[in-house]
């Protein structure tokens, strides 16, 4: 029987004009890799896509029947600049993208991890310091006595300040379980969990392989240019203009223009730049709105001092070059125009 696509996991990112996240890699977790070998399914990688191939007959079926089963893959950490261009809002340690149906983005959920420890409890009500740190906000009900050498042992309270639980009941050796914050796995951004089975085989044999979509979001922040210059033009004469273009739209209408003449607590980067650049001036240009990270470029941003064009095409700030403005992140670049 010829090998045909059975299922596809596709990572999408609005950073890319194609929609496919070319910088993403998906690999089977070890147990899943063994399961794929047992089912004679072959994984094949392409930029941003992992496809599972099966030896499918035109009428349906495979040499080795595929039962309903769950497969788990790892979405590896993204390259540095792409990671900075990705909104981390949906991806925290413990994130799993789970199957939400055909042609729908998979739903990110955070899987709770649980710590287990053994405690030796004397008779009566006692307070015991835990070896691990429970998840923030947990109450006594989140602590489970999973095994005890005597009956009637329970947890009645938890004190975050001392990291102590109050345990009631007779003397016993107990196994205690409680939720803890997931720990990020080195090199892994998130897990991807999909389900396949007989229906998947039937669909693929009919030329309709199952497609799963992991949808990432682009990070967005204002653009900020700091200009170091010795030109004396009044502030009102400075502007950044954008010409007509089908590229990334970015506007600087003037409300974000200011001069840093003294240390500014809202702009620590600009304040330090002023200190290092004295006696030159430092001007700050901030875009009107946040700009979503994109491989598209803003190609026609020109900087003027009065009628004089100083820069014809300003460099686009990289998402790895961040500044804090008023406590919020901006993507920044430093410009220099010094005549002397």
Protein backbone atom coordinates (compact mmCIF):
# COMPACT_ATOMS: atom_id res chain seq x y z
CA UNK A 1 0.00 0.00 0.00
CA UNK A 2 1.33 3.49 -0.77
CA UNK A 3 2.19 5.85 2.08
CA UNK A 4 -0.18 8.83 2.22
CA UNK A 5 -0.64 11.76 4.61
CA UNK A 6 -2.69 10.70 7.63
CA UNK A 7 -2.50 13.84 9.76
CA UNK A 8 -0.70 17.18 9.76
CA UNK A 9 0.26 19.56 12.57
CA UNK A 10 0.75 23.09 11.29
CA UNK A 11 2.09 26.02 13.33
CA UNK A 12 0.77 29.40 12.20
CA UNK A 13 2.13 32.83 13.08
CA UNK A 14 0.99 36.23 11.75
CA UNK A 15 4.66 37.29 11.71
CA UNK A 16 4.98 35.41 8.40
CA UNK A 17 3.14 36.62 5.31
CA UNK A 18 2.48 32.99 4.34
CA UNK A 19 0.86 32.36 7.72
CA UNK A 20 3.04 29.29 8.34
CA UNK A 21 5.58 29.68 11.15
CA UNK A 22 8.69 28.72 9.21
CA UNK A 23 10.84 28.99 12.35
CA UNK A 24 8.85 26.38 14.30
CA UNK A 25 9.79 22.74 14.78
CA UNK A 26 7.56 19.93 16.08
CA UNK A 27 9.03 16.59 17.19
CA UNK A 28 7.42 13.50 18.75
CA UNK A 29 7.95 12.97 22.46
CA UNK A 30 9.85 9.69 23.17
CA UNK A 31 6.77 7.62 24.05
CA UNK A 32 4.96 8.92 20.97
CA UNK A 33 7.97 8.20 18.74
CA UNK A 34 7.85 4.57 19.92
CA UNK A 35 4.09 4.48 19.34
CA UNK A 36 4.51 5.79 15.80
CA UNK A 37 7.04 3.08 15.02
CA UNK A 38 4.68 0.43 16.35
CA UNK A 39 1.85 1.72 14.14
CA UNK A 40 4.17 2.12 11.13
CA UNK A 41 3.48 5.85 10.95
CA UNK A 42 6.27 7.98 9.53
CA UNK A 43 6.74 11.62 10.70
CA UNK A 44 8.14 14.07 8.16
CA UNK A 45 9.18 17.64 8.99
CA UNK A 46 8.87 20.75 6.84
CA UNK A 47 9.23 24.38 8.02
CA UNK A 48 6.42 24.89 10.55
CA UNK A 49 4.71 21.59 9.67
CA UNK A 50 4.90 17.96 10.81
CA UNK A 51 3.08 15.37 8.68
CA UNK A 52 2.35 11.77 9.67
CA UNK A 53 2.31 9.30 6.77
CA UNK A 54 0.58 5.90 6.88
CA UNK A 55 0.45 2.98 4.45
CA UNK A 56 -3.12 3.68 3.41
CA UNK A 57 -5.15 1.69 0.92
CA UNK A 58 -7.41 3.59 -1.47
CA UNK A 59 -10.44 1.88 0.02
CA UNK A 60 -9.32 2.60 3.58
CA UNK A 61 -7.45 0.65 6.20
CA UNK A 62 -3.81 0.04 7.07
CA UNK A 63 -1.70 -3.08 7.50
CA UNK A 64 -1.57 -2.40 11.22
CA UNK A 65 -4.97 -1.23 12.54
CA UNK A 66 -4.80 2.20 14.16
CA UNK A 67 -6.90 2.34 17.34
CA UNK A 68 -8.07 5.54 18.96
CA UNK A 69 -4.91 6.89 20.54
CA UNK A 70 -3.38 10.12 21.83
CA UNK A 71 -0.06 11.32 20.44
CA UNK A 72 2.06 13.96 22.16
CA UNK A 73 4.61 16.17 20.42
CA UNK A 74 6.95 18.95 21.54
CA UNK A 75 6.87 22.41 19.99
CA UNK A 76 10.52 23.36 20.34
CA UNK A 77 11.68 26.79 21.49
CA UNK A 78 11.66 29.34 18.72
CA UNK A 79 14.77 31.13 17.42
CA UNK A 80 15.63 34.18 19.55
CA UNK A 81 14.19 36.91 17.32
CA UNK A 82 11.05 34.91 16.51
CA UNK A 83 10.55 34.19 20.22
CA UNK A 84 10.74 37.93 20.91
CA UNK A 85 8.22 38.51 18.10
CA UNK A 86 5.73 36.10 19.70
CA UNK A 87 3.13 37.13 22.26
CA UNK A 88 3.84 34.97 25.34
CA UNK A 89 0.29 35.40 26.65
CA UNK A 90 -0.93 31.92 25.69
CA UNK A 91 2.33 30.10 26.40
CA UNK A 92 3.51 29.61 29.97
CA UNK A 93 5.31 26.60 31.48
CA UNK A 94 3.00 23.61 31.31
CA UNK A 95 1.10 24.79 28.22
CA UNK A 96 -0.40 22.04 26.07
CA UNK A 97 -2.15 22.69 22.75
CA UNK A 98 -4.98 20.17 22.57
CA UNK A 99 -7.14 19.00 19.69
CA UNK A 100 -10.10 21.35 19.16
CA UNK A 101 -11.39 19.76 15.97
CA UNK A 102 -10.62 19.88 12.28
CA UNK A 103 -9.83 23.29 10.75
CA UNK A 104 -9.82 24.98 14.18
CA UNK A 105 -6.86 26.34 16.13
CA UNK A 106 -5.91 24.02 18.94
CA UNK A 107 -6.79 25.24 22.41
CA UNK A 108 -3.89 26.09 24.77
CA UNK A 109 -4.40 24.82 28.32
CA UNK A 110 -2.04 24.74 31.28
CA UNK A 111 -1.70 21.29 32.77
CA UNK A 112 -1.37 21.29 36.52
CA UNK A 113 1.61 19.49 38.01
CA UNK A 114 1.47 17.89 41.42
CA UNK A 115 4.17 17.44 44.04
CA UNK A 116 4.24 14.38 46.28
CA UNK A 117 6.00 14.02 49.61
CA UNK A 118 5.93 11.69 52.58
CA UNK A 119 5.38 13.12 56.07
CA UNK A 120 5.70 11.51 59.51
CA UNK A 121 2.86 12.88 61.63
CA UNK A 122 2.58 12.62 65.42
CA UNK A 123 -0.80 12.22 67.09
CA UNK A 124 -3.15 15.21 67.19
CA UNK A 125 -3.27 18.44 65.20
CA UNK A 126 0.17 19.55 64.00
CA UNK A 127 1.71 22.05 61.61
CA UNK A 128 4.22 20.71 59.09
CA UNK A 129 6.55 22.68 56.81
CA UNK A 130 6.34 21.45 53.23
CA UNK A 131 9.35 20.52 51.15
CA UNK A 132 7.89 22.09 47.99
CA UNK A 133 6.04 25.32 47.28
CA UNK A 134 2.35 24.88 46.39
CA UNK A 135 0.74 26.82 43.56
CA UNK A 136 -0.22 30.38 44.55
CA UNK A 137 -3.75 30.73 45.88
CA UNK A 138 -4.31 27.10 46.86
CA UNK A 139 -6.55 26.26 49.82
CA UNK A 140 -6.61 23.29 52.18
CA UNK A 141 -8.93 21.37 49.86
CA UNK A 142 -6.16 21.20 47.22
CA UNK A 143 -4.03 18.99 49.49
CA UNK A 144 -4.80 15.28 49.19
CA UNK A 145 -3.70 12.54 51.56
CA UNK A 146 -3.20 9.74 49.01
CA UNK A 147 -2.00 7.14 51.47
CA UNK A 148 -1.74 6.92 55.27
CA UNK A 149 -0.69 4.25 57.76
CA UNK A 150 -3.73 5.19 59.88
CA UNK A 151 -7.26 6.30 59.00
CA UNK A 152 -8.76 9.72 59.66
CA UNK A 153 -5.85 11.95 58.63
CA UNK A 154 -6.73 15.21 56.83
CA UNK A 155 -5.32 18.64 55.96
CA UNK A 156 -7.35 21.47 57.53
CA UNK A 157 -5.33 24.59 56.59
CA UNK A 158 -2.42 25.96 54.62
CA UNK A 159 -0.31 29.01 55.59
CA UNK A 160 1.59 30.48 52.60
CA UNK A 161 3.78 32.73 54.79
CA UNK A 162 5.40 29.78 56.57
CA UNK A 163 4.65 27.26 53.81
CA UNK A 164 2.98 25.05 56.40
CA UNK A 165 -0.02 22.74 56.39
CA UNK A 166 -2.12 21.91 59.43
CA UNK A 167 -2.68 18.14 59.59
CA UNK A 168 -5.28 16.53 61.88
CA UNK A 169 -5.70 12.94 63.02
CA UNK A 170 -3.82 10.07 64.65
CA UNK A 171 -0.08 9.42 64.37
CA UNK A 172 0.70 8.18 60.87
CA UNK A 173 3.08 8.16 57.95
CA UNK A 174 1.25 9.90 55.12
CA UNK A 175 1.76 10.59 51.44
CA UNK A 176 0.64 14.11 50.61
CA UNK A 177 -0.05 15.47 47.13
CA UNK A 178 -0.64 19.11 46.12
CA UNK A 179 -0.54 21.34 43.01
CA UNK A 180 2.66 23.17 42.07
CA UNK A 181 3.61 25.51 39.26
CA UNK A 182 4.75 23.65 36.12
CA UNK A 183 8.45 23.88 35.31
CA UNK A 184 9.54 24.78 31.79
CA UNK A 185 11.28 21.92 30.01
CA UNK A 186 14.64 22.91 28.51
CA UNK A 187 14.38 23.61 24.81
CA UNK A 188 10.59 23.12 24.68
CA UNK A 189 8.03 25.90 24.23
CA UNK A 190 4.86 23.82 24.64
CA UNK A 191 3.39 20.37 24.11
CA UNK A 192 0.99 19.46 21.31
CA UNK A 193 -1.56 16.71 21.93
CA UNK A 194 -3.63 15.16 19.14
CA UNK A 195 -5.99 12.21 18.83
CA UNK A 196 -6.09 9.80 15.88
CA UNK A 197 -8.06 6.64 15.25
CA UNK A 198 -10.09 4.64 12.73
CA UNK A 199 -11.99 7.72 11.56
CA UNK A 200 -8.69 9.50 10.86
CA UNK A 201 -7.67 6.57 8.65
CA UNK A 202 -10.98 6.64 6.76
CA UNK A 203 -10.71 10.38 6.13
CA UNK A 204 -7.09 10.14 4.98
CA UNK A 205 -7.82 7.24 2.62
CA UNK A 206 -10.46 9.46 1.01
CA UNK A 207 -7.85 12.16 0.43
CA UNK A 208 -8.79 14.26 3.45
CA UNK A 209 -5.99 13.95 6.04
CA UNK A 210 -6.72 15.43 9.46
CA UNK A 211 -5.14 18.85 9.97
CA UNK A 212 -4.34 20.34 13.36
CA UNK A 213 -3.43 24.01 13.76
CA UNK A 214 -1.33 25.61 16.51
CA UNK A 215 -1.96 29.36 16.23
CA UNK A 216 0.67 31.61 17.81
CA UNK A 217 0.17 35.35 18.24
CA UNK A 218 2.48 38.18 17.25
CA UNK A 219 3.89 40.45 19.94
CA UNK A 220 3.01 44.13 19.50
CA UNK A 221 4.54 47.28 20.98
CA UNK A 222 5.07 50.92 19.97
CA UNK A 223 8.15 51.75 17.95
CA UNK A 224 10.58 54.18 19.60
CA UNK A 225 13.45 56.00 17.94
CA UNK A 226 15.96 57.90 20.07
CA UNK A 227 17.91 60.46 18.02
CA UNK A 228 21.28 61.82 19.15
CA UNK A 229 22.06 65.04 17.30
CA UNK A 230 23.76 68.43 17.42
CA UNK A 231 21.18 70.13 15.20
CA UNK A 232 19.45 73.04 16.91
CA UNK A 233 16.07 72.90 15.11
CA UNK A 234 13.14 73.60 17.45
CA UNK A 235 11.18 70.52 18.50
CA UNK A 236 8.18 71.50 16.34
CA UNK A 237 10.31 71.15 13.19
CA UNK A 238 11.11 67.49 13.73
CA UNK A 239 8.94 64.75 12.21
CA UNK A 240 8.89 61.21 10.86
CA UNK A 241 6.88 60.87 7.66
CA UNK A 242 5.80 57.68 5.89
CA UNK A 243 5.22 57.57 2.15
CA UNK A 244 2.57 55.42 0.41
CA UNK A 245 3.56 51.78 0.63
CA UNK A 246 2.06 48.31 0.65
CA UNK A 247 4.46 47.37 3.44
CA UNK A 248 3.94 47.47 7.21
CA UNK A 249 1.99 50.63 8.16
CA UNK A 250 3.54 52.71 10.96
CA UNK A 251 2.51 56.28 11.79
CA UNK A 252 4.23 59.05 13.76
CA UNK A 253 1.76 61.95 13.93
CA UNK A 254 3.72 64.05 16.39
CA UNK A 255 2.10 63.34 19.76
CA UNK A 256 4.93 60.92 20.53
CA UNK A 257 7.68 63.48 19.85
CA UNK A 258 9.64 64.86 22.81
CA UNK A 259 13.11 65.96 23.83
CA UNK A 260 14.90 64.43 26.77
CA UNK A 261 16.55 67.47 28.30
CA UNK A 262 16.85 66.00 31.81
CA UNK A 263 16.67 62.51 33.31
CA UNK A 264 13.20 61.10 32.71
CA UNK A 265 12.03 58.32 35.11
CA UNK A 266 9.53 57.16 32.47
CA UNK A 267 12.36 56.56 29.97
CA UNK A 268 15.42 55.02 31.69
CA UNK A 269 17.03 54.08 28.37
CA UNK A 270 16.70 57.60 26.97
CA UNK A 271 17.94 59.09 30.23
CA UNK A 272 21.06 56.95 30.14
CA UNK A 273 21.58 57.81 26.46
CA UNK A 274 21.41 61.52 27.35
CA UNK A 275 24.03 61.06 30.07
CA UNK A 276 26.37 59.21 27.69
CA UNK A 277 25.82 61.63 24.79
CA UNK A 278 26.22 65.00 26.52
CA UNK A 279 26.41 67.75 25.33
CA UNK A 280 24.40 66.50 22.33
CA UNK A 281 20.58 66.55 22.23
CA UNK A 282 18.43 63.43 22.56
CA UNK A 283 15.01 63.41 20.89
CA UNK A 284 12.42 60.67 21.21
CA UNK A 285 9.92 59.63 18.52
CA UNK A 286 7.18 57.15 19.51
CA UNK A 287 4.69 55.65 17.06
CA UNK A 288 1.01 56.49 17.40
CA UNK A 289 0.06 52.88 18.14
CA UNK A 290 1.54 49.49 18.90
CA UNK A 291 2.97 47.71 15.86
CA UNK A 292 2.58 43.94 15.52
CA UNK A 293 5.82 42.11 14.72
CA UNK A 294 5.98 41.07 11.09
CA UNK A 295 8.49 39.98 8.49
CA UNK A 296 7.04 42.80 6.40
CA UNK A 297 9.10 45.96 6.63
CA UNK A 298 8.10 49.61 6.93
CA UNK A 299 10.17 50.77 3.96
CA UNK A 300 9.49 54.49 3.58
CA UNK A 301 9.95 56.07 7.01
CA UNK A 302 11.87 59.33 6.57
CA UNK A 303 13.15 61.62 9.33
CA UNK A 304 13.04 65.40 8.77
CA UNK A 305 14.40 68.44 10.59
CA UNK A 306 12.35 71.22 9.02
CA UNK A 307 12.59 70.71 5.25
CA UNK A 308 15.84 68.83 5.55
CA UNK A 309 15.60 65.05 5.13
CA UNK A 310 18.12 63.41 7.44
CA UNK A 311 17.20 59.76 6.89
CA UNK A 312 15.33 58.40 3.85
CA UNK A 313 14.59 54.90 5.22
CA UNK A 314 14.75 54.38 8.97
CA UNK A 315 15.74 50.92 10.22
CA UNK A 316 12.85 48.87 11.60
CA UNK A 317 13.31 48.17 15.33
CA UNK A 318 13.99 44.55 16.15
CA UNK A 319 11.70 42.90 18.75
CA UNK A 320 14.81 41.92 20.70
CA UNK A 321 15.70 45.61 21.12
CA UNK A 322 13.23 46.64 23.81
CA UNK A 323 12.85 49.79 25.90
CA UNK A 324 10.60 50.63 28.84
CA UNK A 325 8.48 53.75 28.31
CA UNK A 326 6.25 54.55 31.23
CA UNK A 327 6.73 50.98 32.43
CA UNK A 328 5.55 49.49 29.12
CA UNK A 329 7.63 47.77 26.47
CA UNK A 330 8.55 49.47 23.19
CA UNK A 331 10.72 48.24 20.32
CA UNK A 332 13.58 50.70 19.86
CA UNK A 333 16.43 51.93 17.69
CA UNK A 334 19.08 54.60 18.28
CA UNK A 335 19.77 57.09 15.45
CA UNK A 336 22.71 59.49 15.25
CA UNK A 337 22.97 62.63 13.12
CA UNK A 338 25.96 64.72 14.19
CA UNK A 339 27.47 67.34 11.91
CA UNK A 340 30.58 68.21 13.91
